[in-house]
Amino acid sequence: MITLYTDGLPNGVKITIALEETGLPYTLKLVDIFAGESLTPEFKAMKPAGKIPVIQDSETGHTVYESNAILR
């Protein structure tokens, strides 16, 4: 299962649209970057720069970030 960490900004929205269009099952986790949720140690372990979007695949253990890399 894919978990998408994002918020309502354009880079995050385009990943949500892509997942919906492909029909892949995913779980959405909202990250309030303005409240500093992307700067927590847990989030920065996934992406040190503390930016969204980030996807994790629980089946493979892979984490991908940067919207263009995710879209590929």
PDB file of N, CA and C in Angstrom:
ATOM      1  N   MET A   1       0.851  -1.184   0.000  1.00  0.00           N
ATOM      2  CA  MET A   1       0.000   0.000   0.000  1.00  0.00           C
ATOM      3  C   MET A   1       0.889   1.236   0.000  1.00  0.00           C
ATOM      4  N   ILE A   2       0.505   2.201  -0.777  1.00  0.00           N
ATOM      5  CA  ILE A   2       1.227   3.466  -0.865  1.00  0.00           C
ATOM      6  C   ILE A   2       0.650   4.435   0.158  1.00  0.00           C
ATOM      7  N   THR A   3       1.547   5.137   0.839  1.00  0.00           N
ATOM      8  CA  THR A   3       1.138   6.219   1.720  1.00  0.00           C
ATOM      9  C   THR A   3       1.686   7.502   1.132  1.00  0.00           C
ATOM     10  N   LEU A   4       0.801   8.460   0.917  1.00  0.00           N
ATOM     11  CA  LEU A   4       1.178   9.759   0.370  1.00  0.00           C
ATOM     12  C   LEU A   4       1.136  10.791   1.489  1.00  0.00           C
ATOM     13  N   TYR A   5       2.274  11.435   1.717  1.00  0.00           N
ATOM     14  CA  TYR A   5       2.368  12.520   2.691  1.00  0.00           C
ATOM     15  C   TYR A   5       2.365  13.818   1.898  1.00  0.00           C
ATOM     16  N   THR A   6       1.353  14.652   2.114  1.00  0.00           N
ATOM     17  CA  THR A   6       1.217  15.863   1.316  1.00  0.00           C
ATOM     18  C   THR A   6       0.359  16.895   2.044  1.00  0.00           C
ATOM     19  N   ASP A   7       0.156  18.009   1.383  1.00  0.00           N
ATOM     20  CA  ASP A   7      -0.779  19.033   1.857  1.00  0.00           C
ATOM     21  C   ASP A   7      -1.514  19.573   0.636  1.00  0.00           C
ATOM     22  N   GLY A   8      -2.124  20.706   0.731  1.00  0.00           N
ATOM     23  CA  GLY A   8      -2.946  21.219  -0.357  1.00  0.00           C
ATOM     24  C   GLY A   8      -2.212  22.076  -1.376  1.00  0.00           C
ATOM     25  N   LEU A   9      -0.891  22.076  -1.343  1.00  0.00           N
ATOM     26  CA  LEU A   9      -0.125  22.871  -2.304  1.00  0.00           C
ATOM     27  C   LEU A   9      -0.007  22.137  -3.643  1.00  0.00           C
ATOM     28  N   PRO A  10       0.268  22.855  -4.730  1.00  0.00           N
ATOM     29  CA  PRO A  10       0.241  22.257  -6.066  1.00  0.00           C
ATOM     30  C   PRO A  10       1.092  20.998  -6.246  1.00  0.00           C
ATOM     31  N   ASN A  11       2.301  20.955  -5.730  1.00  0.00           N
ATOM     32  CA  ASN A  11       3.127  19.763  -5.919  1.00  0.00           C
ATOM     33  C   ASN A  11       2.514  18.537  -5.269  1.00  0.00           C
ATOM     34  N   GLY A  12       1.851  18.724  -4.158  1.00  0.00           N
ATOM     35  CA  GLY A  12       1.181  17.604  -3.512  1.00  0.00           C
ATOM     36  C   GLY A  12      -0.101  17.206  -4.215  1.00  0.00           C
ATOM     37  N   VAL A  13      -0.824  18.199  -4.708  1.00  0.00           N
ATOM     38  CA  VAL A  13      -2.096  17.929  -5.379  1.00  0.00           C
ATOM     39  C   VAL A  13      -1.878  17.129  -6.658  1.00  0.00           C
ATOM     40  N   LYS A  14      -0.827  17.439  -7.408  1.00  0.00           N
ATOM     41  CA  LYS A  14      -0.625  16.719  -8.664  1.00  0.00           C
ATOM     42  C   LYS A  14      -0.305  15.245  -8.433  1.00  0.00           C
ATOM     43  N   ILE A  15       0.282  14.899  -7.297  1.00  0.00           N
ATOM     44  CA  ILE A  15       0.535  13.491  -6.987  1.00  0.00           C
ATOM     45  C   ILE A  15      -0.777  12.802  -6.640  1.00  0.00           C
ATOM     46  N   THR A  16      -1.636  13.484  -5.893  1.00  0.00           N
ATOM     47  CA  THR A  16      -2.952  12.934  -5.563  1.00  0.00           C
ATOM     48  C   THR A  16      -3.743  12.675  -6.838  1.00  0.00           C
ATOM     49  N   ILE A  17      -3.706  13.603  -7.765  1.00  0.00           N
ATOM     50  CA  ILE A  17      -4.411  13.428  -9.044  1.00  0.00           C
ATOM     51  C   ILE A  17      -3.849  12.229  -9.799  1.00  0.00           C
ATOM     52  N   ALA A  18      -2.530  12.103  -9.851  1.00  0.00           N
ATOM     53  CA  ALA A  18      -1.905  10.986 -10.563  1.00  0.00           C
ATOM     54  C   ALA A  18      -2.298   9.645  -9.946  1.00  0.00           C
ATOM     55  N   LEU A  19      -2.306   9.570  -8.619  1.00  0.00           N
ATOM     56  CA  LEU A  19      -2.703   8.320  -7.967  1.00  0.00           C
ATOM     57  C   LEU A  19      -4.170   7.998  -8.249  1.00  0.00           C
ATOM     58  N   GLU A  20      -5.021   8.996  -8.230  1.00  0.00           N
ATOM     59  CA  GLU A  20      -6.428   8.772  -8.544  1.00  0.00           C
ATOM     60  C   GLU A  20      -6.602   8.301  -9.988  1.00  0.00           C
ATOM     61  N   GLU A  21      -5.886   8.919 -10.907  1.00  0.00           N
ATOM     62  CA  GLU A  21      -6.020   8.556 -12.316  1.00  0.00           C
ATOM     63  C   GLU A  21      -5.494   7.151 -12.611  1.00  0.00           C
ATOM     64  N   THR A  22      -4.446   6.722 -11.897  1.00  0.00           N
ATOM     65  CA  THR A  22      -3.907   5.379 -12.124  1.00  0.00           C
ATOM     66  C   THR A  22      -4.716   4.303 -11.415  1.00  0.00           C
ATOM     67  N   GLY A  23      -5.516   4.703 -10.433  1.00  0.00           N
ATOM     68  CA  GLY A  23      -6.317   3.735  -9.697  1.00  0.00           C
ATOM     69  C   GLY A  23      -5.544   2.963  -8.649  1.00  0.00           C
ATOM     70  N   LEU A  24      -4.316   3.390  -8.361  1.00  0.00           N
ATOM     71  CA  LEU A  24      -3.529   2.709  -7.325  1.00  0.00           C
ATOM     72  C   LEU A  24      -4.120   3.001  -5.949  1.00  0.00           C
ATOM     73  N   PRO A  25      -4.217   1.976  -5.112  1.00  0.00           N
ATOM     74  CA  PRO A  25      -4.721   2.230  -3.754  1.00  0.00           C
ATOM     75  C   PRO A  25      -3.659   2.976  -2.942  1.00  0.00           C
ATOM     76  N   TYR A  26      -4.118   3.938  -2.162  1.00  0.00           N
ATOM     77  CA  TYR A  26      -3.172   4.697  -1.333  1.00  0.00           C
ATOM     78  C   TYR A  26      -3.885   5.251  -0.112  1.00  0.00           C
ATOM     79  N   THR A  27      -3.069   5.603   0.860  1.00  0.00           N
ATOM     80  CA  THR A  27      -3.549   6.263   2.066  1.00  0.00           C
ATOM     81  C   THR A  27      -2.980   7.670   2.063  1.00  0.00           C
ATOM     82  N   LEU A  28      -3.807   8.638   2.379  1.00  0.00           N
ATOM     83  CA  LEU A  28      -3.397  10.036   2.396  1.00  0.00           C
ATOM     84  C   LEU A  28      -3.113  10.474   3.825  1.00  0.00           C
ATOM     85  N   LYS A  29      -1.932  11.024   4.026  1.00  0.00           N
ATOM     86  CA  LYS A  29      -1.558  11.595   5.323  1.00  0.00           C
ATOM     87  C   LYS A  29      -1.287  13.071   5.092  1.00  0.00           C
ATOM     88  N   LEU A  30      -2.125  13.917   5.663  1.00  0.00           N
ATOM     89  CA  LEU A  30      -1.935  15.355   5.511  1.00  0.00           C
ATOM     90  C   LEU A  30      -0.840  15.848   6.446  1.00  0.00           C
ATOM     91  N   VAL A  31       0.049  16.661   5.890  1.00  0.00           N
ATOM     92  CA  VAL A  31       1.167  17.230   6.639  1.00  0.00           C
ATOM     93  C   VAL A  31       1.012  18.741   6.585  1.00  0.00           C
ATOM     94  N   ASP A  32       0.816  19.362   7.726  1.00  0.00           N
ATOM     95  CA  ASP A  32       0.657  20.820   7.773  1.00  0.00           C
ATOM     96  C   ASP A  32       2.044  21.449   7.835  1.00  0.00           C
ATOM     97  N   ILE A  33       2.546  21.830   6.661  1.00  0.00           N
ATOM     98  CA  ILE A  33       3.901  22.382   6.623  1.00  0.00           C
ATOM     99  C   ILE A  33       3.981  23.744   7.312  1.00  0.00           C
ATOM    100  N   PHE A  34       2.875  24.459   7.351  1.00  0.00           N
ATOM    101  CA  PHE A  34       2.877  25.775   7.987  1.00  0.00           C
ATOM    102  C   PHE A  34       2.898  25.671   9.515  1.00  0.00           C
ATOM    103  N   ALA A  35       2.509  24.512  10.041  1.00  0.00           N
ATOM    104  CA  ALA A  35       2.569  24.283  11.485  1.00  0.00           C
ATOM    105  C   ALA A  35       3.873  23.575  11.874  1.00  0.00           C
ATOM    106  N   GLY A  36       4.741  23.327  10.890  1.00  0.00           N
ATOM    107  CA  GLY A  36       6.029  22.705  11.175  1.00  0.00           C
ATOM    108  C   GLY A  36       6.017  21.189  11.220  1.00  0.00           C
ATOM    109  N   GLU A  37       4.915  20.561  10.786  1.00  0.00           N
ATOM    110  CA  GLU A  37       4.841  19.101  10.839  1.00  0.00           C
ATOM    111  C   GLU A  37       5.858  18.424   9.926  1.00  0.00           C
ATOM    112  N   SER A  38       6.317  19.123   8.897  1.00  0.00           N
ATOM    113  CA  SER A  38       7.311  18.529   8.005  1.00  0.00           C
ATOM    114  C   SER A  38       8.731  18.661   8.551  1.00  0.00           C
ATOM    115  N   LEU A  39       8.870  19.320   9.678  1.00  0.00           N
ATOM    116  CA  LEU A  39      10.194  19.503  10.277  1.00  0.00           C
ATOM    117  C   LEU A  39      10.434  18.586  11.468  1.00  0.00           C
ATOM    118  N   THR A  40       9.490  17.679  11.728  1.00  0.00           N
ATOM    119  CA  THR A  40       9.667  16.741  12.836  1.00  0.00           C
ATOM    120  C   THR A  40      10.746  15.717  12.477  1.00  0.00           C
ATOM    121  N   PRO A  41      11.406  15.151  13.466  1.00  0.00           N
ATOM    122  CA  PRO A  41      12.428  14.132  13.176  1.00  0.00           C
ATOM    123  C   PRO A  41      11.878  12.947  12.380  1.00  0.00           C
ATOM    124  N   GLU A  42      10.630  12.561  12.643  1.00  0.00           N
ATOM    125  CA  GLU A  42      10.028  11.434  11.934  1.00  0.00           C
ATOM    126  C   GLU A  42       9.865  11.735  10.442  1.00  0.00           C
ATOM    127  N   PHE A  43       9.392  12.937  10.139  1.00  0.00           N
ATOM    128  CA  PHE A  43       9.213  13.301   8.740  1.00  0.00           C
ATOM    129  C   PHE A  43      10.557  13.506   8.060  1.00  0.00           C
ATOM    130  N   LYS A  44      11.486  14.164   8.744  1.00  0.00           N
ATOM    131  CA  LYS A  44      12.793  14.416   8.140  1.00  0.00           C
ATOM    132  C   LYS A  44      13.590  13.134   7.940  1.00  0.00           C
ATOM    133  N   ALA A  45      13.228  12.060   8.624  1.00  0.00           N
ATOM    134  CA  ALA A  45      13.864  10.766   8.359  1.00  0.00           C
ATOM    135  C   ALA A  45      13.468  10.251   6.984  1.00  0.00           C
ATOM    136  N   MET A  46      12.275  10.628   6.521  1.00  0.00           N
ATOM    137  CA  MET A  46      11.823  10.245   5.182  1.00  0.00           C
ATOM    138  C   MET A  46      12.430  11.169   4.129  1.00  0.00           C
ATOM    139  N   LYS A  47      12.433  12.466   4.421  1.00  0.00           N
ATOM    140  CA  LYS A  47      12.978  13.459   3.491  1.00  0.00           C
ATOM    141  C   LYS A  47      13.689  14.542   4.296  1.00  0.00           C
ATOM    142  N   PRO A  48      15.003  14.495   4.303  1.00  0.00           N
ATOM    143  CA  PRO A  48      15.773  15.428   5.135  1.00  0.00           C
ATOM    144  C   PRO A  48      15.470  16.906   4.902  1.00  0.00           C
ATOM    145  N   ALA A  49      15.079  17.282   3.689  1.00  0.00           N
ATOM    146  CA  ALA A  49      14.776  18.689   3.419  1.00  0.00           C
ATOM    147  C   ALA A  49      13.452  19.118   4.045  1.00  0.00           C
ATOM    148  N   GLY A  50      12.636  18.159   4.474  1.00  0.00           N
ATOM    149  CA  GLY A  50      11.381  18.485   5.133  1.00  0.00           C
ATOM    150  C   GLY A  50      10.332  19.079   4.220  1.00  0.00           C
ATOM    151  N   LYS A  51      10.293  18.648   2.965  1.00  0.00           N
ATOM    152  CA  LYS A  51       9.304  19.170   2.018  1.00  0.00           C
ATOM    153  C   LYS A  51       8.379  18.043   1.571  1.00  0.00           C
ATOM    154  N   ILE A  52       7.225  18.435   1.071  1.00  0.00           N
ATOM    155  CA  ILE A  52       6.277  17.466   0.532  1.00  0.00           C
ATOM    156  C   ILE A  52       6.319  17.555  -0.983  1.00  0.00           C
ATOM    157  N   PRO A  53       5.851  16.576  -1.697  1.00  0.00           N
ATOM    158  CA  PRO A  53       5.237  15.325  -1.276  1.00  0.00           C
ATOM    159  C   PRO A  53       6.272  14.218  -1.078  1.00  0.00           C
ATOM    160  N   VAL A  54       5.857  13.211  -0.330  1.00  0.00           N
ATOM    161  CA  VAL A  54       6.650  12.007  -0.110  1.00  0.00           C
ATOM    162  C   VAL A  54       5.697  10.824  -0.231  1.00  0.00           C
ATOM    163  N   ILE A  55       6.127   9.774  -0.916  1.00  0.00           N
ATOM    164  CA  ILE A  55       5.337   8.545  -0.909  1.00  0.00           C
ATOM    165  C   ILE A  55       6.195   7.419  -0.367  1.00  0.00           C
ATOM    166  N   GLN A  56       5.549   6.520   0.355  1.00  0.00           N
ATOM    167  CA  GLN A  56       6.187   5.318   0.861  1.00  0.00           C
ATOM    168  C   GLN A  56       5.365   4.124   0.415  1.00  0.00           C
ATOM    169  N   ASP A  57       6.059   3.085  -0.028  1.00  0.00           N
ATOM    170  CA  ASP A  57       5.404   1.840  -0.416  1.00  0.00           C
ATOM    171  C   ASP A  57       5.699   0.818   0.667  1.00  0.00           C
ATOM    172  N   SER A  58       4.691   0.434   1.417  1.00  0.00           N
ATOM    173  CA  SER A  58       4.889  -0.490   2.537  1.00  0.00           C
ATOM    174  C   SER A  58       5.262  -1.888   2.066  1.00  0.00           C
ATOM    175  N   GLU A  59       4.912  -2.248   0.842  1.00  0.00           N
ATOM    176  CA  GLU A  59       5.234  -3.581   0.328  1.00  0.00           C
ATOM    177  C   GLU A  59       6.704  -3.714  -0.049  1.00  0.00           C
ATOM    178  N   THR A  60       7.282  -2.654  -0.603  1.00  0.00           N
ATOM    179  CA  THR A  60       8.681  -2.711  -1.036  1.00  0.00           C
ATOM    180  C   THR A  60       9.627  -2.019  -0.066  1.00  0.00           C
ATOM    181  N   GLY A  61       9.068  -1.147   0.779  1.00  0.00           N
ATOM    182  CA  GLY A  61       9.896  -0.383   1.699  1.00  0.00           C
ATOM    183  C   GLY A  61      10.545   0.841   1.054  1.00  0.00           C
ATOM    184  N   HIS A  62      10.192   1.133  -0.188  1.00  0.00           N
ATOM    185  CA  HIS A  62      10.775   2.273  -0.890  1.00  0.00           C
ATOM    186  C   HIS A  62      10.084   3.577  -0.503  1.00  0.00           C
ATOM    187  N   THR A  63      10.890   4.625  -0.425  1.00  0.00           N
ATOM    188  CA  THR A  63      10.400   5.984  -0.213  1.00  0.00           C
ATOM    189  C   THR A  63      10.865   6.824  -1.384  1.00  0.00           C
ATOM    190  N   VAL A  64       9.939   7.593  -1.967  1.00  0.00           N
ATOM    191  CA  VAL A  64      10.273   8.474  -3.088  1.00  0.00           C
ATOM    192  C   VAL A  64       9.744   9.863  -2.753  1.00  0.00           C
ATOM    193  N   TYR A  65      10.548  10.859  -3.027  1.00  0.00           N
ATOM    194  CA  TYR A  65      10.115  12.243  -2.829  1.00  0.00           C
ATOM    195  C   TYR A  65      10.507  13.066  -4.037  1.00  0.00           C
ATOM    196  N   GLU A  66      10.099  14.315  -4.040  1.00  0.00           N
ATOM    197  CA  GLU A  66      10.181  15.215  -5.183  1.00  0.00           C
ATOM    198  C   GLU A  66       9.099  14.822  -6.178  1.00  0.00           C
ATOM    199  N   SER A  67       8.215  15.742  -6.455  1.00  0.00           N
ATOM    200  CA  SER A  67       7.029  15.432  -7.263  1.00  0.00           C
ATOM    201  C   SER A  67       7.365  14.869  -8.642  1.00  0.00           C
ATOM    202  N   ASN A  68       8.398  15.374  -9.303  1.00  0.00           N
ATOM    203  CA  ASN A  68       8.735  14.840 -10.620  1.00  0.00           C
ATOM    204  C   ASN A  68       9.223  13.408 -10.543  1.00  0.00           C
ATOM    205  N   ALA A  69       9.972  13.070  -9.527  1.00  0.00           N
ATOM    206  CA  ALA A  69      10.439  11.688  -9.349  1.00  0.00           C
ATOM    207  C   ALA A  69       9.265  10.777  -9.063  1.00  0.00           C
ATOM    208  N   ILE A  70       8.320  11.218  -8.267  1.00  0.00           N
ATOM    209  CA  ILE A  70       7.139  10.414  -7.956  1.00  0.00           C
ATOM    210  C   ILE A  70       6.322  10.179  -9.221  1.00  0.00           C
ATOM    211  N   LEU A  71       6.142  11.196 -10.025  1.00  0.00           N
ATOM    212  CA  LEU A  71       5.350  11.060 -11.247  1.00  0.00           C
ATOM    213  C   LEU A  71       5.985  10.106 -12.252  1.00  0.00           C
ATOM    214  N   ARG A  72       7.284   9.997 -12.243  1.00  0.00           N
ATOM    215  CA  ARG A  72       7.960   9.047 -13.143  1.00  0.00           C
ATOM    216  C   ARG A  72       7.655   7.653 -12.714  1.00  0.00           C
TER     217      ARG A  72
END
